[in-house]
Amino acid sequence: MQNLLIPLAEGEFTTPNIHFDLSTYVFEIKGESFLENTDDFYTPVTDWLQEFTDTYSDAIIFNFKFAYYNSSSSKSILKIMKILKKYSKKVAIEVNWFYPTNN
């Protein structure tokens, strides 16, 4: 299994930066998630995370650093949270939610 690195993309729609680092076990989603079809973007992310949680038993830190996400992105974020919740039953994890102070 390799790190998952997806750079942010800006344009008509915006995707966040995904950085899941297996050397540090720090996984981060950062930026804006303003997508029309979130499944196209997030399915590889949730698939990777599911494979990781099925294979590994290491403690992780998961950082959500959204400046903004639209309502269609929230469904995919919830899928990620459910995977993390299940994983937390076998190993300790730390989940951090960062947000703009004016939000």
N, C-alpha and C. Protein backbone atom coordinates (compact mmCIF):
# COMPACT_ATOMS: atom_id res chain seq x y z
N MET A 1 0.85 -1.17 0.00
CA MET A 1 0.00 0.00 0.00
C MET A 1 0.89 1.23 0.00
N GLN A 2 0.50 2.24 -0.76
CA GLN A 2 1.29 3.46 -0.86
C GLN A 2 0.50 4.63 -0.29
N ASN A 3 1.22 5.72 0.00
CA ASN A 3 0.57 6.95 0.44
C ASN A 3 -0.50 7.35 -0.57
N LEU A 4 -1.51 8.04 -0.08
CA LEU A 4 -2.52 8.60 -0.98
C LEU A 4 -2.30 10.11 -1.03
N LEU A 5 -1.95 10.59 -2.20
CA LEU A 5 -1.68 12.01 -2.41
C LEU A 5 -2.50 12.50 -3.59
N ILE A 6 -3.43 13.40 -3.32
CA ILE A 6 -4.24 14.00 -4.37
C ILE A 6 -4.13 15.52 -4.20
N PRO A 7 -3.53 16.20 -5.16
CA PRO A 7 -3.39 17.65 -5.01
C PRO A 7 -4.74 18.35 -5.18
N LEU A 8 -4.85 19.51 -4.57
CA LEU A 8 -6.08 20.29 -4.72
C LEU A 8 -6.23 20.72 -6.17
N ALA A 9 -7.47 20.89 -6.56
CA ALA A 9 -7.76 21.35 -7.92
C ALA A 9 -8.79 22.46 -7.81
N GLU A 10 -8.52 23.55 -8.51
CA GLU A 10 -9.43 24.69 -8.50
C GLU A 10 -9.93 24.94 -9.91
N GLY A 11 -11.11 25.46 -10.00
CA GLY A 11 -11.73 25.73 -11.28
C GLY A 11 -13.21 25.99 -11.04
N GLU A 12 -14.04 25.50 -11.93
CA GLU A 12 -15.48 25.63 -11.71
C GLU A 12 -15.87 24.93 -10.41
N PHE A 13 -15.25 23.78 -10.17
CA PHE A 13 -15.42 23.06 -8.91
C PHE A 13 -14.05 22.91 -8.27
N THR A 14 -14.04 22.78 -6.93
CA THR A 14 -12.80 22.73 -6.19
C THR A 14 -12.72 21.43 -5.40
N THR A 15 -11.56 20.78 -5.46
CA THR A 15 -11.34 19.58 -4.67
C THR A 15 -10.26 19.84 -3.63
N PRO A 16 -10.37 19.18 -2.49
CA PRO A 16 -9.38 19.41 -1.44
C PRO A 16 -8.08 18.65 -1.72
N ASN A 17 -7.07 19.01 -0.96
CA ASN A 17 -5.79 18.30 -0.98
C ASN A 17 -5.93 17.10 -0.04
N ILE A 18 -5.59 15.92 -0.54
CA ILE A 18 -5.62 14.70 0.27
C ILE A 18 -4.18 14.26 0.47
N HIS A 19 -3.79 14.08 1.73
CA HIS A 19 -2.43 13.63 2.04
C HIS A 19 -2.52 12.59 3.16
N PHE A 20 -2.49 11.32 2.79
CA PHE A 20 -2.51 10.22 3.74
C PHE A 20 -1.11 9.61 3.74
N ASP A 21 -0.37 9.85 4.81
CA ASP A 21 1.05 9.50 4.88
C ASP A 21 1.27 8.26 5.76
N LEU A 22 1.69 7.18 5.15
CA LEU A 22 1.90 5.93 5.87
C LEU A 22 3.17 5.92 6.72
N SER A 23 4.08 6.85 6.49
CA SER A 23 5.30 6.89 7.31
C SER A 23 5.05 7.57 8.66
N THR A 24 4.07 8.46 8.71
CA THR A 24 3.76 9.18 9.96
C THR A 24 2.39 8.80 10.53
N TYR A 25 1.59 8.13 9.72
CA TYR A 25 0.20 7.80 10.08
C TYR A 25 -0.62 9.05 10.37
N VAL A 26 -0.31 10.11 9.66
CA VAL A 26 -1.10 11.33 9.71
C VAL A 26 -1.83 11.44 8.37
N PHE A 27 -3.13 11.48 8.45
CA PHE A 27 -3.98 11.56 7.26
C PHE A 27 -4.71 12.89 7.31
N GLU A 28 -4.68 13.61 6.18
CA GLU A 28 -5.24 14.96 6.19
C GLU A 28 -6.01 15.25 4.91
N ILE A 29 -7.15 15.88 5.12
CA ILE A 29 -7.94 16.44 4.02
C ILE A 29 -8.00 17.93 4.28
N LYS A 30 -7.55 18.73 3.29
CA LYS A 30 -7.38 20.16 3.54
C LYS A 30 -7.86 20.97 2.35
N GLY A 31 -8.56 22.06 2.63
CA GLY A 31 -8.97 23.00 1.59
C GLY A 31 -10.47 23.07 1.44
N GLU A 32 -10.91 23.28 0.22
CA GLU A 32 -12.33 23.39 -0.08
C GLU A 32 -12.80 22.17 -0.85
N SER A 33 -14.02 21.77 -0.55
CA SER A 33 -14.64 20.64 -1.25
C SER A 33 -15.95 21.14 -1.82
N PHE A 34 -15.87 21.62 -3.04
CA PHE A 34 -17.02 22.17 -3.74
C PHE A 34 -17.13 21.40 -5.05
N LEU A 35 -17.89 20.31 -5.00
CA LEU A 35 -17.95 19.38 -6.12
C LEU A 35 -19.37 19.18 -6.59
N GLU A 36 -19.49 18.87 -7.87
CA GLU A 36 -20.80 18.51 -8.40
C GLU A 36 -21.09 17.04 -8.15
N ASN A 37 -20.12 16.18 -8.43
CA ASN A 37 -20.28 14.74 -8.21
C ASN A 37 -19.20 14.29 -7.24
N THR A 38 -19.55 14.27 -5.98
CA THR A 38 -18.56 13.94 -4.95
C THR A 38 -18.11 12.49 -5.00
N ASP A 39 -18.97 11.59 -5.45
CA ASP A 39 -18.58 10.18 -5.51
C ASP A 39 -17.37 9.96 -6.41
N ASP A 40 -17.32 10.66 -7.54
CA ASP A 40 -16.18 10.50 -8.44
C ASP A 40 -14.86 10.84 -7.74
N PHE A 41 -14.88 11.85 -6.91
CA PHE A 41 -13.66 12.27 -6.22
C PHE A 41 -13.39 11.43 -4.98
N TYR A 42 -14.41 11.23 -4.15
CA TYR A 42 -14.19 10.61 -2.84
C TYR A 42 -14.16 9.08 -2.84
N THR A 43 -14.69 8.41 -3.85
CA THR A 43 -14.67 6.94 -3.84
C THR A 43 -13.25 6.38 -3.75
N PRO A 44 -12.28 6.88 -4.52
CA PRO A 44 -10.90 6.37 -4.32
C PRO A 44 -10.35 6.65 -2.92
N VAL A 45 -10.80 7.75 -2.31
CA VAL A 45 -10.35 8.10 -0.96
C VAL A 45 -10.94 7.11 0.05
N THR A 46 -12.23 6.87 -0.01
CA THR A 46 -12.86 5.95 0.94
C THR A 46 -12.40 4.51 0.69
N ASP A 47 -12.17 4.15 -0.57
CA ASP A 47 -11.66 2.81 -0.87
C ASP A 47 -10.27 2.62 -0.26
N TRP A 48 -9.40 3.62 -0.42
CA TRP A 48 -8.05 3.55 0.15
C TRP A 48 -8.14 3.43 1.67
N LEU A 49 -8.96 4.27 2.28
CA LEU A 49 -9.09 4.26 3.74
C LEU A 49 -9.66 2.94 4.23
N GLN A 50 -10.62 2.39 3.52
CA GLN A 50 -11.18 1.10 3.90
C GLN A 50 -10.13 0.00 3.82
N GLU A 51 -9.33 0.01 2.75
CA GLU A 51 -8.26 -0.97 2.63
C GLU A 51 -7.25 -0.83 3.76
N PHE A 52 -6.91 0.42 4.10
CA PHE A 52 -5.98 0.67 5.20
C PHE A 52 -6.53 0.10 6.50
N THR A 53 -7.77 0.41 6.82
CA THR A 53 -8.35 -0.02 8.10
C THR A 53 -8.55 -1.54 8.16
N ASP A 54 -8.71 -2.17 7.01
CA ASP A 54 -8.83 -3.63 6.97
C ASP A 54 -7.47 -4.32 7.13
N THR A 55 -6.39 -3.62 6.78
CA THR A 55 -5.06 -4.20 6.73
C THR A 55 -4.20 -3.85 7.93
N TYR A 56 -4.28 -2.61 8.39
CA TYR A 56 -3.39 -2.10 9.42
C TYR A 56 -4.06 -2.10 10.79
N SER A 57 -3.22 -2.01 11.81
CA SER A 57 -3.70 -1.88 13.19
C SER A 57 -2.86 -0.85 13.93
N ASP A 58 -2.54 0.23 13.23
CA ASP A 58 -1.71 1.28 13.80
C ASP A 58 -2.56 2.49 14.16
N ALA A 59 -2.17 3.16 15.24
CA ALA A 59 -2.84 4.40 15.62
C ALA A 59 -2.62 5.45 14.54
N ILE A 60 -3.62 6.25 14.29
CA ILE A 60 -3.52 7.30 13.27
C ILE A 60 -4.01 8.63 13.84
N ILE A 61 -3.60 9.68 13.15
CA ILE A 61 -4.15 11.01 13.38
C ILE A 61 -4.83 11.40 12.07
N PHE A 62 -6.08 11.78 12.17
CA PHE A 62 -6.83 12.18 10.98
C PHE A 62 -7.25 13.63 11.16
N ASN A 63 -6.78 14.49 10.26
CA ASN A 63 -7.08 15.92 10.32
C ASN A 63 -8.01 16.32 9.18
N PHE A 64 -9.12 16.91 9.56
CA PHE A 64 -10.01 17.56 8.60
C PHE A 64 -9.72 19.05 8.70
N LYS A 65 -9.30 19.66 7.61
CA LYS A 65 -9.00 21.09 7.61
C LYS A 65 -9.75 21.76 6.45
N PHE A 66 -11.05 21.74 6.55
CA PHE A 66 -11.88 22.32 5.50
C PHE A 66 -12.05 23.81 5.71
N ALA A 67 -11.78 24.57 4.68
CA ALA A 67 -12.14 25.99 4.68
C ALA A 67 -13.62 26.11 4.32
N TYR A 68 -14.07 25.15 3.48
CA TYR A 68 -15.47 25.13 3.05
C TYR A 68 -15.75 23.76 2.44
N TYR A 69 -16.96 23.26 2.63
CA TYR A 69 -17.43 22.10 1.88
C TYR A 69 -18.92 22.25 1.64
N ASN A 70 -19.37 21.80 0.47
CA ASN A 70 -20.78 21.94 0.14
C ASN A 70 -21.56 20.73 0.67
N SER A 71 -22.87 20.81 0.58
CA SER A 71 -23.72 19.77 1.17
C SER A 71 -23.51 18.41 0.51
N SER A 72 -23.21 18.38 -0.79
CA SER A 72 -22.97 17.09 -1.43
C SER A 72 -21.68 16.44 -0.92
N SER A 73 -20.72 17.24 -0.51
CA SER A 73 -19.48 16.71 0.06
C SER A 73 -19.71 16.12 1.44
N SER A 74 -20.70 16.60 2.16
CA SER A 74 -20.93 16.13 3.53
C SER A 74 -21.26 14.65 3.57
N LYS A 75 -21.91 14.12 2.54
CA LYS A 75 -22.21 12.69 2.48
C LYS A 75 -20.92 11.87 2.44
N SER A 76 -19.97 12.31 1.65
CA SER A 76 -18.69 11.60 1.56
C SER A 76 -17.88 11.75 2.85
N ILE A 77 -17.96 12.91 3.46
CA ILE A 77 -17.27 13.12 4.74
C ILE A 77 -17.85 12.17 5.79
N LEU A 78 -19.16 11.99 5.77
CA LEU A 78 -19.80 11.07 6.69
C LEU A 78 -19.33 9.63 6.46
N LYS A 79 -19.14 9.23 5.21
CA LYS A 79 -18.60 7.90 4.92
C LYS A 79 -17.22 7.72 5.54
N ILE A 80 -16.40 8.75 5.43
CA ILE A 80 -15.06 8.70 6.02
C ILE A 80 -15.17 8.56 7.53
N MET A 81 -16.06 9.33 8.15
CA MET A 81 -16.25 9.27 9.60
C MET A 81 -16.70 7.88 10.05
N LYS A 82 -17.55 7.26 9.27
CA LYS A 82 -18.02 5.91 9.62
C LYS A 82 -16.89 4.89 9.56
N ILE A 83 -16.03 5.02 8.56
CA ILE A 83 -14.87 4.13 8.48
C ILE A 83 -13.96 4.35 9.68
N LEU A 84 -13.75 5.61 10.04
CA LEU A 84 -12.90 5.92 11.20
C LEU A 84 -13.52 5.41 12.49
N LYS A 85 -14.82 5.53 12.62
CA LYS A 85 -15.50 5.05 13.83
C LYS A 85 -15.30 3.54 13.99
N LYS A 86 -15.46 2.81 12.91
CA LYS A 86 -15.27 1.37 12.96
C LYS A 86 -13.82 1.03 13.31
N TYR A 87 -12.88 1.74 12.71
CA TYR A 87 -11.46 1.51 12.98
C TYR A 87 -11.12 1.81 14.44
N SER A 88 -11.77 2.81 15.01
CA SER A 88 -11.48 3.21 16.40
C SER A 88 -11.87 2.12 17.40
N LYS A 89 -12.64 1.14 16.98
CA LYS A 89 -13.00 0.05 17.88
C LYS A 89 -11.85 -0.95 18.06
N LYS A 90 -10.87 -0.92 17.14
CA LYS A 90 -9.74 -1.84 17.29
C LYS A 90 -8.43 -1.14 17.64
N VAL A 91 -8.37 0.17 17.45
CA VAL A 91 -7.13 0.90 17.75
C VAL A 91 -7.48 2.36 18.09
N ALA A 92 -6.66 2.96 18.93
CA ALA A 92 -6.88 4.36 19.29
C ALA A 92 -6.55 5.26 18.10
N ILE A 93 -7.44 6.19 17.83
CA ILE A 93 -7.18 7.17 16.78
C ILE A 93 -7.48 8.55 17.32
N GLU A 94 -6.89 9.53 16.67
CA GLU A 94 -7.15 10.94 17.01
C GLU A 94 -7.74 11.60 15.76
N VAL A 95 -8.90 12.20 15.93
CA VAL A 95 -9.54 12.92 14.84
C VAL A 95 -9.62 14.39 15.22
N ASN A 96 -9.10 15.24 14.35
CA ASN A 96 -9.11 16.69 14.59
C ASN A 96 -9.92 17.37 13.50
N TRP A 97 -10.74 18.31 13.91
CA TRP A 97 -11.54 19.09 12.97
C TRP A 97 -11.13 20.54 13.12
N PHE A 98 -10.46 21.06 12.11
CA PHE A 98 -10.04 22.45 12.10
C PHE A 98 -11.02 23.27 11.25
N TYR A 99 -11.25 24.50 11.64
CA TYR A 99 -12.19 25.34 10.92
C TYR A 99 -11.77 26.81 11.07
N PRO A 100 -12.18 27.63 10.11
CA PRO A 100 -11.87 29.06 10.23
C PRO A 100 -12.53 29.65 11.48
N THR A 101 -11.82 30.49 12.19
CA THR A 101 -12.35 31.04 13.44
C THR A 101 -13.59 31.91 13.22
N ASN A 102 -13.75 32.44 12.03
CA ASN A 102 -14.92 33.28 11.77
C ASN A 102 -16.12 32.47 11.27
N ASN A 103 -16.01 31.18 11.30
CA ASN A 103 -17.08 30.32 10.81
C ASN A 103 -17.86 29.73 11.97
